[in-house]
Amino acid sequence: MAEISYPFNEANANGGSQIVSQTQWQAMARMWGGDRVDFQLTATTYGANFLPFNATIVNGRTVQINPGKAWVGGFYYSLTAQQSVTIANNSTTKPRKDLIVLQADMAKSAVNIAVLTGTAAASPVAPAPRRQAGGIWEMPLYEVDAAANNASISISSRMPFDVPGRVAYPWNTETGAALLPRGSFVYDMDNNGGDTQKEGFLGRDGYVVTRHLGKSRTYTPSMVNIGNPSTRVGRWRWIAPNTVWFSVYIASTSTSDLKVSSDNFTYGVTLPVPANGSTGQVFQGHMDNNGSGASPNLPNFVDLTVKTNRGSSTSTMYLYMPNKNYTTDTGLDGIEYFPRKGFLTISGVYEAAEL
């Protein structure tokens, strides 16, 4: 029959099957999730012997593995008592890397702990776990360093763990996420239309937005040390935890230059969210002074270096330009004017001050 489906209460003429083979089960069960230890990493720290399948080396070449549970190649595995495996001698003059795995072997109809022995080499590489549906499927537990000349071995964990499932909120995402297990990813669907769709993560550092989804957010940038031109447009979004992309466009319709206030030597533009002040951060910009009645105080086109100052977190970036009078001067000067009927564009990526 061309159409086969399972499992149902009973076999039927429509292709439905009640009993499935282990191969059919594996094909179905692998769709439910990837290989992982059945233990969610929700605490801030763990002791060396707390996690499932924690292991110790005894008698030089024996690795004792403690109980644990895992999902491997579509099958559930449980180790209920300590199990030991022996690492083969390495009598060569070069080191070797082995791999301790959970091995689902369809020919044996079972999952068991196994050791994959690598090849000695000047720069050894551990054997790759096999993942063949209907054959042998392996999940790594430990990588073993087998030193040359039968010297001592060491082990390093390579097992993947389970994490809390992703969830979504229509609103109140941050307060809802605070009640979830550590390690949870959440989606703010913004069903009340008050903000922006976004993804968040509740981790060791608390809740943080990991990225905005959908359209960019808008904001109105303000000028610092100078008056505000008539047009000010900003766009921004979280693109990673504590990382912002932004762009601003500011234009003047005035027939007069705007000049910096008091004894300031340059002016600034505000960012959408404060920048981390541990280091200064630098962006690029462009100012156009080529409109009708262009300002004589600035070149027609100005290449801008824009930076935040080092210190406490700041919401202001300041503008600097090459010296307009001396082309051989490689330094930067402040800018005292926003040109009449001119405009500027600034964009970049920066580390925010959320964390």
Protein backbone atom coordinates (compact mmCIF):
# COMPACT_ATOMS: atom_id res chain seq x y z
CA MET A 1 0.00 0.00 0.00
CA ALA A 2 1.31 3.45 -0.94
CA GLU A 3 -0.15 5.15 2.14
CA ILE A 4 1.04 4.03 5.59
CA SER A 5 0.30 5.73 8.90
CA TYR A 6 0.73 4.76 12.55
CA PRO A 7 0.03 4.13 15.40
CA PHE A 8 -3.76 3.74 15.52
CA ASN A 9 -6.11 1.66 17.66
CA GLU A 10 -6.21 -1.05 15.03
CA ALA A 11 -4.95 -1.87 11.56
CA ASN A 12 -7.32 -0.91 8.76
CA ALA A 13 -7.74 -0.96 5.00
CA ASN A 14 -6.79 2.72 4.75
CA GLY A 15 -3.14 2.03 5.56
CA GLY A 16 -3.39 2.62 9.31
CA SER A 17 -1.25 0.35 11.47
CA GLN A 18 -1.59 -0.51 15.14
CA ILE A 19 1.80 -2.03 15.86
CA VAL A 20 5.02 -0.36 14.72
CA SER A 21 8.45 -1.85 14.22
CA GLN A 22 11.44 -0.40 16.03
CA THR A 23 12.55 1.18 12.75
CA GLN A 24 9.17 2.85 12.33
CA TRP A 25 9.23 3.95 15.94
CA GLN A 26 12.66 5.53 15.50
CA ALA A 27 11.58 7.35 12.35
CA MET A 28 8.63 8.77 14.27
CA ALA A 29 10.29 9.42 17.63
CA ARG A 30 13.29 11.30 16.22
CA MET A 31 10.85 14.01 15.14
CA TRP A 32 10.02 14.74 18.79
CA GLY A 33 13.41 16.11 19.75
CA GLY A 34 17.16 15.71 19.45
CA ASP A 35 19.53 13.61 21.55
CA ARG A 36 19.96 14.92 25.09
CA VAL A 37 20.40 13.96 28.73
CA ASP A 38 17.06 13.97 30.54
CA PHE A 39 18.02 16.79 32.91
CA GLN A 40 17.32 20.51 32.56
CA LEU A 41 20.16 22.91 33.34
CA THR A 42 18.16 25.42 35.39
CA ALA A 43 20.61 26.23 38.22
CA THR A 44 23.33 28.90 38.14
CA THR A 45 26.09 26.42 39.00
CA TYR A 46 26.49 22.68 39.49
CA GLY A 47 28.99 20.65 41.48
CA ALA A 48 31.29 18.31 39.59
CA ASN A 49 29.46 15.20 40.81
CA PHE A 50 25.88 16.49 40.70
CA LEU A 51 24.97 16.01 37.03
CA PRO A 52 23.69 12.73 35.56
CA PHE A 53 26.29 10.38 34.04
CA ASN A 54 29.08 12.06 36.08
CA ALA A 55 32.20 9.93 35.83
CA THR A 56 35.49 9.24 37.55
CA ILE A 57 38.69 7.46 36.50
CA VAL A 58 39.85 4.51 38.60
CA ASN A 59 42.75 2.07 38.23
CA GLY A 60 44.37 4.19 35.54
CA ARG A 61 42.24 3.25 32.52
CA THR A 62 38.75 2.49 33.84
CA VAL A 63 36.00 5.10 33.65
CA GLN A 64 33.13 4.65 36.10
CA ILE A 65 29.90 6.28 34.93
CA ASN A 66 27.11 7.02 37.39
CA PRO A 67 23.35 6.72 36.74
CA GLY A 68 21.47 8.98 34.36
CA LYS A 69 18.72 9.06 31.76
CA ALA A 70 18.80 10.20 28.14
CA TRP A 71 16.98 10.31 24.82
CA VAL A 72 19.11 8.80 22.03
CA GLY A 73 18.11 8.40 18.39
CA GLY A 74 14.41 8.24 19.27
CA PHE A 75 14.79 5.81 22.22
CA TYR A 76 14.77 6.37 25.96
CA TYR A 77 17.73 5.08 27.98
CA SER A 78 18.13 4.73 31.74
CA LEU A 79 21.29 3.76 33.60
CA THR A 80 20.20 2.67 37.08
CA ALA A 81 23.55 1.57 38.53
CA GLN A 82 27.18 2.54 38.08
CA GLN A 83 28.70 1.21 34.84
CA SER A 84 32.42 0.90 34.03
CA VAL A 85 34.21 0.99 30.67
CA THR A 86 37.89 0.37 30.01
CA ILE A 87 39.94 2.57 27.70
CA ALA A 88 42.32 0.63 25.48
CA ASN A 89 46.08 1.02 25.99
CA ASN A 90 47.93 3.50 23.81
CA SER A 91 51.43 2.10 23.43
CA THR A 92 52.27 4.42 20.52
CA THR A 93 54.41 7.53 20.77
CA LYS A 94 51.47 9.79 19.81
CA PRO A 95 48.33 10.76 21.74
CA ARG A 96 44.85 9.47 20.92
CA LYS A 97 41.31 10.67 21.47
CA ASP A 98 38.46 8.24 22.16
CA LEU A 99 34.74 8.84 22.63
CA ILE A 100 32.42 7.32 25.24
CA VAL A 101 28.90 7.25 23.82
CA LEU A 102 25.38 6.02 24.35
CA GLN A 103 24.91 3.71 21.40
CA ALA A 104 21.48 2.77 20.04
CA ASP A 105 22.06 -0.35 17.97
CA MET A 106 19.03 -1.50 15.99
CA ALA A 107 20.61 -4.94 15.45
CA LYS A 108 20.71 -5.40 19.25
CA SER A 109 17.40 -3.61 19.86
CA ALA A 110 19.00 -1.75 22.78
CA VAL A 111 20.91 1.32 23.89
CA ASN A 112 24.21 0.71 25.70
CA ILE A 113 27.34 2.57 26.77
CA ALA A 114 30.19 2.03 24.29
CA VAL A 115 33.71 3.29 23.63
CA LEU A 116 34.79 4.45 20.18
CA THR A 117 38.58 4.15 19.94
CA GLY A 118 40.29 6.86 17.92
CA THR A 119 43.54 6.90 15.97
CA ALA A 120 46.84 8.02 17.49
CA ALA A 121 48.23 11.12 15.78
CA ALA A 122 50.28 14.23 16.46
CA SER A 123 46.99 16.17 16.59
CA PRO A 124 44.40 13.48 17.29
CA VAL A 125 40.68 13.91 16.63
CA ALA A 126 37.95 12.02 18.46
CA PRO A 127 35.84 9.63 16.34
CA ALA A 128 32.63 11.15 15.01
CA PRO A 129 29.47 9.69 16.54
CA ARG A 130 27.39 7.70 14.06
CA ARG A 131 23.82 8.77 13.43
CA GLN A 132 22.25 6.33 11.00
CA ALA A 133 18.51 5.70 11.32
CA GLY A 134 17.83 1.97 11.24
CA GLY A 135 21.47 1.21 12.10
CA ILE A 136 23.71 2.64 14.81
CA TRP A 137 22.94 5.98 16.43
CA GLU A 138 25.29 7.46 19.03
CA MET A 139 25.21 10.35 21.50
CA PRO A 140 28.53 11.50 23.03
CA LEU A 141 29.06 11.35 26.78
CA TYR A 142 32.81 11.94 27.21
CA GLU A 143 35.86 12.63 25.10
CA VAL A 144 38.87 10.70 26.37
CA ASP A 145 42.47 11.87 26.03
CA ALA A 146 44.67 8.78 25.93
CA ALA A 147 48.24 9.98 26.29
CA ALA A 148 51.12 8.32 24.44
CA ASN A 149 53.17 5.45 25.87
CA ASN A 150 50.26 4.18 27.98
CA ALA A 151 50.35 7.27 30.19
CA SER A 152 47.30 8.33 32.18
CA ILE A 153 43.97 9.22 30.60
CA SER A 154 41.67 12.20 31.19
CA ILE A 155 38.03 12.79 30.30
CA SER A 156 35.97 15.83 29.27
CA SER A 157 32.19 15.98 29.15
CA ARG A 158 30.60 16.16 25.69
CA MET A 159 26.99 15.29 26.54
CA PRO A 160 24.11 17.62 25.53
CA PHE A 161 21.43 18.42 28.10
CA ASP A 162 17.74 19.23 28.01
CA VAL A 163 16.48 22.81 28.39
CA PRO A 164 13.04 24.21 29.26
CA GLY A 165 10.71 24.47 26.29
CA ARG A 166 9.97 27.78 24.57
CA VAL A 167 6.76 29.52 25.54
CA ALA A 168 4.87 32.60 24.36
CA TYR A 169 2.99 35.39 26.13
CA PRO A 170 0.39 37.75 24.67
CA TRP A 171 1.75 40.51 26.99
CA ASN A 172 3.47 40.94 30.39
CA THR A 173 6.33 38.83 29.06
CA GLU A 174 9.11 39.93 31.39
CA THR A 175 7.09 39.45 34.57
CA GLY A 176 5.82 36.10 33.31
CA ALA A 177 9.31 34.93 32.37
CA ALA A 178 10.54 35.66 35.90
CA LEU A 179 8.43 32.71 37.10
CA LEU A 180 9.86 30.23 34.58
CA PRO A 181 12.85 27.89 35.05
CA ARG A 182 16.23 29.41 34.36
CA GLY A 183 17.25 28.73 30.75
CA SER A 184 13.82 29.48 29.25
CA PHE A 185 13.35 31.25 25.92
CA VAL A 186 10.12 33.23 25.64
CA TYR A 187 8.27 35.07 22.88
CA ASP A 188 6.40 38.31 23.40
CA MET A 189 3.64 38.16 20.78
CA ASP A 190 2.52 41.74 21.58
CA ASN A 191 -1.14 40.85 21.17
CA ASN A 192 -2.16 44.12 22.82
CA GLY A 193 -0.15 46.15 20.27
CA GLY A 194 1.64 48.18 22.91
CA ASP A 195 5.22 47.29 22.03
CA THR A 196 7.11 45.09 19.56
CA GLN A 197 7.22 41.35 18.99
CA LYS A 198 10.40 40.00 20.52
CA GLU A 199 12.27 37.01 21.90
CA GLY A 200 13.68 36.93 25.42
CA PHE A 201 15.88 34.67 27.55
CA LEU A 202 15.86 34.07 31.29
CA GLY A 203 19.40 33.08 32.19
CA ARG A 204 22.09 33.51 34.81
CA ASP A 205 22.11 37.30 34.27
CA GLY A 206 18.33 37.59 34.57
CA TYR A 207 15.83 38.37 31.82
CA VAL A 208 17.13 39.97 28.64
CA VAL A 209 15.63 40.65 25.23
CA THR A 210 17.60 38.58 22.71
CA ARG A 211 16.16 40.07 19.52
CA HIS A 212 13.26 42.00 18.12
CA LEU A 213 11.05 40.18 15.65
CA GLY A 214 9.21 41.81 12.76
CA LYS A 215 9.57 45.53 12.03
CA SER A 216 12.20 47.80 13.55
CA ARG A 217 11.19 50.02 16.44
CA THR A 218 11.18 53.79 15.99
CA TYR A 219 12.38 56.56 18.28
CA THR A 220 12.92 60.32 18.02
CA PRO A 221 16.61 61.17 18.53
CA SER A 222 17.35 64.44 20.30
CA MET A 223 20.28 66.79 19.74
CA VAL A 224 22.64 67.62 22.61
CA ASN A 225 24.46 71.00 22.94
CA ILE A 226 22.52 72.38 19.97
CA GLY A 227 18.92 73.05 18.95
CA ASN A 228 16.77 70.31 17.43
CA PRO A 229 16.35 70.44 13.63
CA SER A 230 12.85 70.02 12.22
CA THR A 231 13.15 66.37 11.14
CA ARG A 232 14.49 63.67 13.45
CA VAL A 233 13.86 59.99 12.69
CA GLY A 234 15.42 56.97 14.40
CA ARG A 235 15.07 53.22 13.96
CA TRP A 236 16.49 50.48 16.14
CA ARG A 237 16.16 46.86 17.27
CA TRP A 238 17.75 44.34 19.61
CA ILE A 239 19.75 41.97 17.40
CA ALA A 240 21.32 39.88 20.20
CA PRO A 241 21.41 39.96 24.00
CA ASN A 242 22.49 43.46 25.09
CA THR A 243 23.29 44.37 21.45
CA VAL A 244 21.50 47.08 19.49
CA TRP A 245 21.42 48.08 15.81
CA PHE A 246 20.27 51.64 15.10
CA SER A 247 20.15 54.33 12.42
CA VAL A 248 19.16 57.99 12.58
CA TYR A 249 18.27 60.61 9.98
CA ILE A 250 18.20 64.28 11.01
CA ALA A 251 17.42 67.11 8.60
CA SER A 252 16.92 70.88 8.83
CA THR A 253 14.56 73.04 6.78
CA SER A 254 15.92 76.24 8.33
CA THR A 255 17.67 78.88 6.22
CA SER A 256 20.10 79.50 9.08
CA ASP A 257 22.78 77.33 10.62
CA LEU A 258 22.25 75.93 14.08
CA LYS A 259 25.25 76.65 16.31
CA VAL A 260 26.39 74.79 19.41
CA SER A 261 25.42 76.36 22.70
CA SER A 262 27.69 78.14 25.16
CA ASP A 263 31.36 77.11 24.96
CA ASN A 264 30.74 73.57 23.67
CA PHE A 265 32.97 72.52 20.77
CA THR A 266 30.73 69.83 19.28
CA TYR A 267 27.24 68.38 19.59
CA GLY A 268 25.69 64.98 20.04
CA VAL A 269 22.72 62.78 19.20
CA THR A 270 20.84 60.52 21.60
CA LEU A 271 20.75 56.73 21.25
CA PRO A 272 17.59 54.60 21.56
CA VAL A 273 18.83 52.92 24.78
CA PRO A 274 21.92 53.74 26.89
CA ALA A 275 25.26 52.35 25.73
CA ASN A 276 27.64 50.45 27.98
CA GLY A 277 30.31 52.87 29.21
CA SER A 278 33.04 50.35 30.06
CA THR A 279 34.69 51.35 26.78
CA GLY A 280 34.02 54.08 24.25
CA GLN A 281 32.07 52.87 21.20
CA VAL A 282 32.50 54.25 17.67
CA PHE A 283 30.05 54.63 14.77
CA GLN A 284 30.18 56.09 11.28
CA GLY A 285 28.08 58.90 9.88
CA HIS A 286 27.64 61.26 6.96
CA MET A 287 26.54 64.90 6.83
CA ASP A 288 25.21 66.49 3.64
CA ASN A 289 25.69 70.25 3.25
CA ASN A 290 25.02 70.34 -0.48
CA GLY A 291 21.47 71.76 -0.56
CA SER A 292 20.41 75.16 -1.82
CA GLY A 293 21.99 77.89 0.27
CA ALA A 294 24.56 75.49 1.76
CA SER A 295 26.35 76.61 4.89
CA PRO A 296 29.79 78.15 4.25
CA ASN A 297 30.97 76.86 7.61
CA LEU A 298 31.22 73.22 6.52
CA PRO A 299 32.34 71.22 3.47
CA ASN A 300 29.64 70.01 1.05
CA PHE A 301 29.96 66.43 2.31
CA VAL A 302 31.31 65.57 5.73
CA ASP A 303 32.56 62.13 6.77
CA LEU A 304 31.74 61.73 10.46
CA THR A 305 33.28 59.70 13.25
CA VAL A 306 30.73 59.34 16.03
CA LYS A 307 31.55 58.00 19.50
CA THR A 308 30.24 57.49 23.00
CA ASN A 309 32.52 58.47 25.84
CA ARG A 310 34.02 55.99 28.24
CA GLY A 311 32.66 56.11 31.79
CA SER A 312 29.17 55.51 33.07
CA SER A 313 26.46 54.32 30.71
CA THR A 314 25.43 57.05 28.30
CA SER A 315 22.61 57.82 25.90
CA THR A 316 24.61 60.37 23.86
CA MET A 317 27.03 59.94 20.97
CA TYR A 318 29.19 62.88 19.89
CA LEU A 319 30.15 63.93 16.36
CA TYR A 320 33.67 64.60 15.01
CA MET A 321 34.91 65.47 11.51
CA PRO A 322 38.24 65.84 9.66
CA ASN A 323 39.74 69.33 9.78
CA LYS A 324 37.94 71.35 7.09
CA ASN A 325 40.80 73.79 6.47
CA TYR A 326 43.88 71.57 6.41
CA THR A 327 43.67 68.43 4.29
CA THR A 328 46.99 67.18 5.64
CA ASP A 329 45.65 67.24 9.19
CA THR A 330 44.74 63.61 9.99
CA GLY A 331 43.12 64.44 13.33
CA LEU A 332 39.47 65.08 14.07
CA ASP A 333 37.69 68.26 15.14
CA GLY A 334 34.40 68.93 16.85
CA ILE A 335 31.53 70.33 14.76
CA GLU A 336 30.09 73.69 15.77
CA TYR A 337 27.28 73.88 13.21
CA PHE A 338 24.34 71.93 11.92
CA PRO A 339 24.11 73.24 8.33
CA ARG A 340 21.10 75.11 6.99
CA LYS A 341 18.93 72.73 4.93
CA GLY A 342 21.45 69.99 5.61
CA PHE A 343 20.99 66.46 6.92
CA LEU A 344 23.00 63.75 8.60
CA THR A 345 22.80 59.95 8.81
CA ILE A 346 24.41 57.81 11.50
CA SER A 347 24.16 54.03 11.93
CA GLY A 348 25.89 51.25 13.79
CA VAL A 349 25.80 48.42 16.33
CA TYR A 350 26.69 48.81 20.00
CA GLU A 351 26.72 47.09 23.36
CA ALA A 352 23.92 48.39 25.52
CA ALA A 353 23.97 48.94 29.28
CA GLU A 354 21.24 46.39 30.12
CA LEU A 355 23.69 43.85 31.60
